[in-house]
Amino acid sequence: MDIIVLKYFLEMDRESSMTRAADKLCVSQPTMSKQLKDFEKELGVKLFTRSNYSIKLTEAGMILKDMAEDIVNLVEKT
């Protein structure tokens, strides 16, 4: 697990769009997409339900969101 991927995950949730999240984080959309798909594979769960126009958290994604926010905040404080 990488802190960068957690930041991607959280920004995608905030923006509800991979393209907008990638733009905001100054990363290419294909890079972000691959990182998050690899992350889902690593965890063994789907974190998002994807449609043509939006992205929403799954139940597993909602659980991870709280933990990811805490982790990112601790890293930034450190």
PDB file of N, CA and C in Angstrom:
ATOM      1  N   MET A   1       0.854  -1.168   0.000  1.00  0.00           N
ATOM      2  CA  MET A   1       0.000   0.000   0.000  1.00  0.00           C
ATOM      3  C   MET A   1       0.905   1.237   0.000  1.00  0.00           C
ATOM      4  N   ASP A   2       0.557   2.193  -0.810  1.00  0.00           N
ATOM      5  CA  ASP A   2       1.358   3.398  -0.984  1.00  0.00           C
ATOM      6  C   ASP A   2       0.507   4.623  -0.635  1.00  0.00           C
ATOM      7  N   ILE A   3       1.108   5.587   0.028  1.00  0.00           N
ATOM      8  CA  ILE A   3       0.384   6.796   0.423  1.00  0.00           C
ATOM      9  C   ILE A   3      -0.160   7.545  -0.792  1.00  0.00           C
ATOM     10  N   ILE A   4       0.574   7.513  -1.887  1.00  0.00           N
ATOM     11  CA  ILE A   4       0.126   8.187  -3.117  1.00  0.00           C
ATOM     12  C   ILE A   4      -1.194   7.580  -3.600  1.00  0.00           C
ATOM     13  N   VAL A   5      -1.289   6.275  -3.565  1.00  0.00           N
ATOM     14  CA  VAL A   5      -2.513   5.609  -4.012  1.00  0.00           C
ATOM     15  C   VAL A   5      -3.675   5.961  -3.085  1.00  0.00           C
ATOM     16  N   LEU A   6      -3.402   6.082  -1.798  1.00  0.00           N
ATOM     17  CA  LEU A   6      -4.459   6.495  -0.871  1.00  0.00           C
ATOM     18  C   LEU A   6      -4.927   7.913  -1.199  1.00  0.00           C
ATOM     19  N   LYS A   7      -4.005   8.794  -1.554  1.00  0.00           N
ATOM     20  CA  LYS A   7      -4.380  10.156  -1.947  1.00  0.00           C
ATOM     21  C   LYS A   7      -5.205  10.136  -3.233  1.00  0.00           C
ATOM     22  N   TYR A   8      -4.827   9.293  -4.201  1.00  0.00           N
ATOM     23  CA  TYR A   8      -5.617   9.143  -5.429  1.00  0.00           C
ATOM     24  C   TYR A   8      -7.032   8.689  -5.085  1.00  0.00           C
ATOM     25  N   PHE A   9      -7.107   7.678  -4.232  1.00  0.00           N
ATOM     26  CA  PHE A   9      -8.389   7.112  -3.822  1.00  0.00           C
ATOM     27  C   PHE A   9      -9.284   8.184  -3.194  1.00  0.00           C
ATOM     28  N   LEU A  10      -8.725   8.945  -2.260  1.00  0.00           N
ATOM     29  CA  LEU A  10      -9.512   9.976  -1.575  1.00  0.00           C
ATOM     30  C   LEU A  10      -9.944  11.091  -2.524  1.00  0.00           C
ATOM     31  N   GLU A  11      -9.058  11.481  -3.430  1.00  0.00           N
ATOM     32  CA  GLU A  11      -9.417  12.550  -4.369  1.00  0.00           C
ATOM     33  C   GLU A  11     -10.492  12.083  -5.344  1.00  0.00           C
ATOM     34  N   MET A  12     -10.422  10.825  -5.774  1.00  0.00           N
ATOM     35  CA  MET A  12     -11.473  10.303  -6.658  1.00  0.00           C
ATOM     36  C   MET A  12     -12.817  10.316  -5.945  1.00  0.00           C
ATOM     37  N   ASP A  13     -12.818   9.998  -4.661  1.00  0.00           N
ATOM     38  CA  ASP A  13     -14.070  10.052  -3.912  1.00  0.00           C
ATOM     39  C   ASP A  13     -14.582  11.488  -3.833  1.00  0.00           C
ATOM     40  N   ARG A  14     -13.707  12.437  -3.533  1.00  0.00           N
ATOM     41  CA  ARG A  14     -14.131  13.840  -3.426  1.00  0.00           C
ATOM     42  C   ARG A  14     -14.673  14.375  -4.749  1.00  0.00           C
ATOM     43  N   GLU A  15     -14.008  14.042  -5.834  1.00  0.00           N
ATOM     44  CA  GLU A  15     -14.378  14.577  -7.153  1.00  0.00           C
ATOM     45  C   GLU A  15     -15.460  13.755  -7.855  1.00  0.00           C
ATOM     46  N   SER A  16     -15.652  12.511  -7.458  1.00  0.00           N
ATOM     47  CA  SER A  16     -16.579  11.580  -8.126  1.00  0.00           C
ATOM     48  C   SER A  16     -16.275  11.440  -9.609  1.00  0.00           C
ATOM     49  N   SER A  17     -15.013  11.660  -9.951  1.00  0.00           N
ATOM     50  CA  SER A  17     -14.569  11.579 -11.346  1.00  0.00           C
ATOM     51  C   SER A  17     -13.070  11.331 -11.375  1.00  0.00           C
ATOM     52  N   MET A  18     -12.669  10.305 -12.098  1.00  0.00           N
ATOM     53  CA  MET A  18     -11.246  10.020 -12.212  1.00  0.00           C
ATOM     54  C   MET A  18     -10.529  11.129 -12.983  1.00  0.00           C
ATOM     55  N   THR A  19     -11.149  11.639 -14.016  1.00  0.00           N
ATOM     56  CA  THR A  19     -10.527  12.685 -14.833  1.00  0.00           C
ATOM     57  C   THR A  19     -10.301  13.950 -14.016  1.00  0.00           C
ATOM     58  N   ARG A  20     -11.314  14.392 -13.282  1.00  0.00           N
ATOM     59  CA  ARG A  20     -11.167  15.604 -12.456  1.00  0.00           C
ATOM     60  C   ARG A  20     -10.147  15.390 -11.339  1.00  0.00           C
ATOM     61  N   ALA A  21     -10.166  14.216 -10.735  1.00  0.00           N
ATOM     62  CA  ALA A  21      -9.200  13.915  -9.672  1.00  0.00           C
ATOM     63  C   ALA A  21      -7.774  13.908 -10.225  1.00  0.00           C
ATOM     64  N   ALA A  22      -7.590  13.294 -11.385  1.00  0.00           N
ATOM     65  CA  ALA A  22      -6.265  13.264 -12.001  1.00  0.00           C
ATOM     66  C   ALA A  22      -5.791  14.670 -12.338  1.00  0.00           C
ATOM     67  N   ASP A  23      -6.672  15.472 -12.885  1.00  0.00           N
ATOM     68  CA  ASP A  23      -6.312  16.863 -13.201  1.00  0.00           C
ATOM     69  C   ASP A  23      -5.915  17.627 -11.937  1.00  0.00           C
ATOM     70  N   LYS A  24      -6.671  17.459 -10.886  1.00  0.00           N
ATOM     71  CA  LYS A  24      -6.394  18.177  -9.644  1.00  0.00           C
ATOM     72  C   LYS A  24      -5.058  17.757  -9.035  1.00  0.00           C
ATOM     73  N   LEU A  25      -4.706  16.483  -9.189  1.00  0.00           N
ATOM     74  CA  LEU A  25      -3.458  15.971  -8.630  1.00  0.00           C
ATOM     75  C   LEU A  25      -2.287  16.033  -9.620  1.00  0.00           C
ATOM     76  N   CYS A  26      -2.539  16.567 -10.799  1.00  0.00           N
ATOM     77  CA  CYS A  26      -1.502  16.713 -11.842  1.00  0.00           C
ATOM     78  C   CYS A  26      -0.861  15.371 -12.212  1.00  0.00           C
ATOM     79  N   VAL A  27      -1.718  14.393 -12.437  1.00  0.00           N
ATOM     80  CA  VAL A  27      -1.281  13.073 -12.867  1.00  0.00           C
ATOM     81  C   VAL A  27      -2.166  12.669 -14.041  1.00  0.00           C
ATOM     82  N   SER A  28      -1.651  11.816 -14.913  1.00  0.00           N
ATOM     83  CA  SER A  28      -2.469  11.415 -16.051  1.00  0.00           C
ATOM     84  C   SER A  28      -3.578  10.470 -15.591  1.00  0.00           C
ATOM     85  N   GLN A  29      -4.703  10.548 -16.270  1.00  0.00           N
ATOM     86  CA  GLN A  29      -5.847   9.701 -15.920  1.00  0.00           C
ATOM     87  C   GLN A  29      -5.514   8.215 -16.085  1.00  0.00           C
ATOM     88  N   PRO A  30      -4.807   7.800 -17.166  1.00  0.00           N
ATOM     89  CA  PRO A  30      -4.481   6.381 -17.276  1.00  0.00           C
ATOM     90  C   PRO A  30      -3.578   5.877 -16.136  1.00  0.00           C
ATOM     91  N   THR A  31      -2.664   6.730 -15.682  1.00  0.00           N
ATOM     92  CA  THR A  31      -1.792   6.346 -14.569  1.00  0.00           C
ATOM     93  C   THR A  31      -2.612   6.135 -13.303  1.00  0.00           C
ATOM     94  N   MET A  32      -3.503   7.077 -13.027  1.00  0.00           N
ATOM     95  CA  MET A  32      -4.344   6.967 -11.841  1.00  0.00           C
ATOM     96  C   MET A  32      -5.236   5.728 -11.929  1.00  0.00           C
ATOM     97  N   SER A  33      -5.817   5.495 -13.065  1.00  0.00           N
ATOM     98  CA  SER A  33      -6.694   4.352 -13.262  1.00  0.00           C
ATOM     99  C   SER A  33      -5.947   3.046 -12.997  1.00  0.00           C
ATOM    100  N   LYS A  34      -4.750   2.923 -13.554  1.00  0.00           N
ATOM    101  CA  LYS A  34      -3.957   1.697 -13.373  1.00  0.00           C
ATOM    102  C   LYS A  34      -3.578   1.512 -11.910  1.00  0.00           C
ATOM    103  N   GLN A  35      -3.145   2.585 -11.257  1.00  0.00           N
ATOM    104  CA  GLN A  35      -2.764   2.494  -9.846  1.00  0.00           C
ATOM    105  C   GLN A  35      -3.936   2.018  -8.987  1.00  0.00           C
ATOM    106  N   LEU A  36      -5.112   2.566  -9.248  1.00  0.00           N
ATOM    107  CA  LEU A  36      -6.274   2.193  -8.439  1.00  0.00           C
ATOM    108  C   LEU A  36      -6.780   0.791  -8.758  1.00  0.00           C
ATOM    109  N   LYS A  37      -6.696   0.380 -10.012  1.00  0.00           N
ATOM    110  CA  LYS A  37      -7.073  -1.001 -10.336  1.00  0.00           C
ATOM    111  C   LYS A  37      -6.111  -1.979  -9.672  1.00  0.00           C
ATOM    112  N   ASP A  38      -4.813  -1.663  -9.683  1.00  0.00           N
ATOM    113  CA  ASP A  38      -3.827  -2.504  -9.007  1.00  0.00           C
ATOM    114  C   ASP A  38      -4.083  -2.548  -7.497  1.00  0.00           C
ATOM    115  N   PHE A  39      -4.478  -1.408  -6.932  1.00  0.00           N
ATOM    116  CA  PHE A  39      -4.785  -1.319  -5.509  1.00  0.00           C
ATOM    117  C   PHE A  39      -5.984  -2.204  -5.170  1.00  0.00           C
ATOM    118  N   GLU A  40      -7.027  -2.147  -5.991  1.00  0.00           N
ATOM    119  CA  GLU A  40      -8.194  -3.007  -5.783  1.00  0.00           C
ATOM    120  C   GLU A  40      -7.793  -4.476  -5.864  1.00  0.00           C
ATOM    121  N   LYS A  41      -6.935  -4.797  -6.798  1.00  0.00           N
ATOM    122  CA  LYS A  41      -6.470  -6.182  -6.951  1.00  0.00           C
ATOM    123  C   LYS A  41      -5.674  -6.618  -5.719  1.00  0.00           C
ATOM    124  N   GLU A  42      -4.817  -5.726  -5.231  1.00  0.00           N
ATOM    125  CA  GLU A  42      -4.024  -6.011  -4.037  1.00  0.00           C
ATOM    126  C   GLU A  42      -4.918  -6.266  -2.826  1.00  0.00           C
ATOM    127  N   LEU A  43      -5.958  -5.453  -2.662  1.00  0.00           N
ATOM    128  CA  LEU A  43      -6.870  -5.601  -1.535  1.00  0.00           C
ATOM    129  C   LEU A  43      -7.877  -6.732  -1.729  1.00  0.00           C
ATOM    130  N   GLY A  44      -8.131  -7.089  -2.974  1.00  0.00           N
ATOM    131  CA  GLY A  44      -9.080  -8.156  -3.266  1.00  0.00           C
ATOM    132  C   GLY A  44     -10.532  -7.732  -3.201  1.00  0.00           C
ATOM    133  N   VAL A  45     -10.781  -6.419  -3.305  1.00  0.00           N
ATOM    134  CA  VAL A  45     -12.151  -5.888  -3.286  1.00  0.00           C
ATOM    135  C   VAL A  45     -12.275  -4.745  -4.275  1.00  0.00           C
ATOM    136  N   LYS A  46     -13.491  -4.505  -4.732  1.00  0.00           N
ATOM    137  CA  LYS A  46     -13.778  -3.331  -5.557  1.00  0.00           C
ATOM    138  C   LYS A  46     -14.043  -2.155  -4.620  1.00  0.00           C
ATOM    139  N   LEU A  47     -13.405  -1.036  -4.893  1.00  0.00           N
ATOM    140  CA  LEU A  47     -13.559   0.148  -4.057  1.00  0.00           C
ATOM    141  C   LEU A  47     -14.564   1.131  -4.642  1.00  0.00           C
ATOM    142  N   PHE A  48     -14.756   1.060  -5.966  1.00  0.00           N
ATOM    143  CA  PHE A  48     -15.639   1.992  -6.658  1.00  0.00           C
ATOM    144  C   PHE A  48     -16.579   1.246  -7.580  1.00  0.00           C
ATOM    145  N   THR A  49     -17.764   1.801  -7.763  1.00  0.00           N
ATOM    146  CA  THR A  49     -18.611   1.404  -8.874  1.00  0.00           C
ATOM    147  C   THR A  49     -18.454   2.512  -9.905  1.00  0.00           C
ATOM    148  N   ARG A  50     -18.143   2.128 -11.105  1.00  0.00           N
ATOM    149  CA  ARG A  50     -17.838   3.087 -12.156  1.00  0.00           C
ATOM    150  C   ARG A  50     -18.949   3.118 -13.194  1.00  0.00           C
ATOM    151  N   SER A  51     -19.291   4.317 -13.611  1.00  0.00           N
ATOM    152  CA  SER A  51     -20.203   4.487 -14.743  1.00  0.00           C
ATOM    153  C   SER A  51     -19.518   5.433 -15.716  1.00  0.00           C
ATOM    154  N   ASN A  52     -20.175   5.717 -16.806  1.00  0.00           N
ATOM    155  CA  ASN A  52     -19.572   6.619 -17.792  1.00  0.00           C
ATOM    156  C   ASN A  52     -19.398   8.030 -17.250  1.00  0.00           C
ATOM    157  N   TYR A  53     -20.198   8.409 -16.271  1.00  0.00           N
ATOM    158  CA  TYR A  53     -20.204   9.797 -15.826  1.00  0.00           C
ATOM    159  C   TYR A  53     -19.804  10.020 -14.375  1.00  0.00           C
ATOM    160  N   SER A  54     -19.703   8.960 -13.589  1.00  0.00           N
ATOM    161  CA  SER A  54     -19.339   9.171 -12.188  1.00  0.00           C
ATOM    162  C   SER A  54     -18.746   7.908 -11.578  1.00  0.00           C
ATOM    163  N   ILE A  55     -18.199   8.103 -10.406  1.00  0.00           N
ATOM    164  CA  ILE A  55     -17.612   7.015  -9.629  1.00  0.00           C
ATOM    165  C   ILE A  55     -18.175   7.127  -8.216  1.00  0.00           C
ATOM    166  N   LYS A  56     -18.604   6.011  -7.656  1.00  0.00           N
ATOM    167  CA  LYS A  56     -19.128   6.004  -6.294  1.00  0.00           C
ATOM    168  C   LYS A  56     -18.422   4.910  -5.503  1.00  0.00           C
ATOM    169  N   LEU A  57     -18.274   5.153  -4.213  1.00  0.00           N
ATOM    170  CA  LEU A  57     -17.644   4.160  -3.349  1.00  0.00           C
ATOM    171  C   LEU A  57     -18.555   2.959  -3.130  1.00  0.00           C
ATOM    172  N   THR A  58     -17.952   1.790  -3.096  1.00  0.00           N
ATOM    173  CA  THR A  58     -18.657   0.581  -2.676  1.00  0.00           C
ATOM    174  C   THR A  58     -18.652   0.565  -1.152  1.00  0.00           C
ATOM    175  N   GLU A  59     -19.264  -0.430  -0.566  1.00  0.00           N
ATOM    176  CA  GLU A  59     -19.245  -0.558   0.892  1.00  0.00           C
ATOM    177  C   GLU A  59     -17.805  -0.695   1.400  1.00  0.00           C
ATOM    178  N   ALA A  60     -17.011  -1.496   0.710  1.00  0.00           N
ATOM    179  CA  ALA A  60     -15.598  -1.645   1.089  1.00  0.00           C
ATOM    180  C   ALA A  60     -14.858  -0.319   0.945  1.00  0.00           C
ATOM    181  N   GLY A  61     -15.180   0.436  -0.088  1.00  0.00           N
ATOM    182  CA  GLY A  61     -14.571   1.745  -0.290  1.00  0.00           C
ATOM    183  C   GLY A  61     -14.907   2.707   0.830  1.00  0.00           C
ATOM    184  N   MET A  62     -16.138   2.661   1.321  1.00  0.00           N
ATOM    185  CA  MET A  62     -16.538   3.537   2.422  1.00  0.00           C
ATOM    186  C   MET A  62     -15.770   3.205   3.701  1.00  0.00           C
ATOM    187  N   ILE A  63     -15.543   1.919   3.927  1.00  0.00           N
ATOM    188  CA  ILE A  63     -14.765   1.503   5.103  1.00  0.00           C
ATOM    189  C   ILE A  63     -13.326   1.979   4.976  1.00  0.00           C
ATOM    190  N   LEU A  64     -12.747   1.797   3.796  1.00  0.00           N
ATOM    191  CA  LEU A  64     -11.369   2.218   3.565  1.00  0.00           C
ATOM    192  C   LEU A  64     -11.221   3.732   3.660  1.00  0.00           C
ATOM    193  N   LYS A  65     -12.223   4.463   3.231  1.00  0.00           N
ATOM    194  CA  LYS A  65     -12.144   5.930   3.213  1.00  0.00           C
ATOM    195  C   LYS A  65     -11.802   6.492   4.586  1.00  0.00           C
ATOM    196  N   ASP A  66     -12.483   6.044   5.616  1.00  0.00           N
ATOM    197  CA  ASP A  66     -12.213   6.544   6.967  1.00  0.00           C
ATOM    198  C   ASP A  66     -10.773   6.246   7.389  1.00  0.00           C
ATOM    199  N   MET A  67     -10.321   5.037   7.133  1.00  0.00           N
ATOM    200  CA  MET A  67      -8.960   4.674   7.489  1.00  0.00           C
ATOM    201  C   MET A  67      -7.938   5.442   6.657  1.00  0.00           C
ATOM    202  N   ALA A  68      -8.206   5.599   5.370  1.00  0.00           N
ATOM    203  CA  ALA A  68      -7.286   6.303   4.478  1.00  0.00           C
ATOM    204  C   ALA A  68      -7.145   7.768   4.881  1.00  0.00           C
ATOM    205  N   GLU A  69      -8.248   8.407   5.264  1.00  0.00           N
ATOM    206  CA  GLU A  69      -8.173   9.801   5.716  1.00  0.00           C
ATOM    207  C   GLU A  69      -7.289   9.926   6.937  1.00  0.00           C
ATOM    208  N   ASP A  70      -7.442   8.990   7.883  1.00  0.00           N
ATOM    209  CA  ASP A  70      -6.598   9.005   9.084  1.00  0.00           C
ATOM    210  C   ASP A  70      -5.127   8.798   8.735  1.00  0.00           C
ATOM    211  N   ILE A  71      -4.848   7.866   7.865  1.00  0.00           N
ATOM    212  CA  ILE A  71      -3.464   7.564   7.478  1.00  0.00           C
ATOM    213  C   ILE A  71      -2.831   8.770   6.785  1.00  0.00           C
ATOM    214  N   VAL A  72      -3.528   9.340   5.818  1.00  0.00           N
ATOM    215  CA  VAL A  72      -2.990  10.484   5.083  1.00  0.00           C
ATOM    216  C   VAL A  72      -2.767  11.670   6.021  1.00  0.00           C
ATOM    217  N   ASN A  73      -3.708  11.915   6.927  1.00  0.00           N
ATOM    218  CA  ASN A  73      -3.548  13.009   7.881  1.00  0.00           C
ATOM    219  C   ASN A  73      -2.338  12.786   8.788  1.00  0.00           C
ATOM    220  N   LEU A  74      -2.142  11.555   9.259  1.00  0.00           N
ATOM    221  CA  LEU A  74      -0.981  11.262  10.104  1.00  0.00           C
ATOM    222  C   LEU A  74       0.331  11.458   9.338  1.00  0.00           C
ATOM    223  N   VAL A  75       0.377  11.011   8.093  1.00  0.00           N
ATOM    224  CA  VAL A  75       1.590  11.167   7.283  1.00  0.00           C
ATOM    225  C   VAL A  75       1.884  12.643   7.059  1.00  0.00           C
ATOM    226  N   GLU A  76       0.861  13.418   6.751  1.00  0.00           N
ATOM    227  CA  GLU A  76       1.056  14.850   6.512  1.00  0.00           C
ATOM    228  C   GLU A  76       1.495  15.573   7.780  1.00  0.00           C
ATOM    229  N   LYS A  77       0.981  15.192   8.931  1.00  0.00           N
ATOM    230  CA  LYS A  77       1.406  15.792  10.202  1.00  0.00           C
ATOM    231  C   LYS A  77       2.852  15.451  10.517  1.00  0.00           C
ATOM    232  N   THR A  78       3.242  14.230  10.178  1.00  0.00           N
ATOM    233  CA  THR A  78       4.603  13.778  10.455  1.00  0.00           C
ATOM    234  C   THR A  78       5.575  14.513   9.558  1.00  0.00           C
TER     235      THR A  78
END
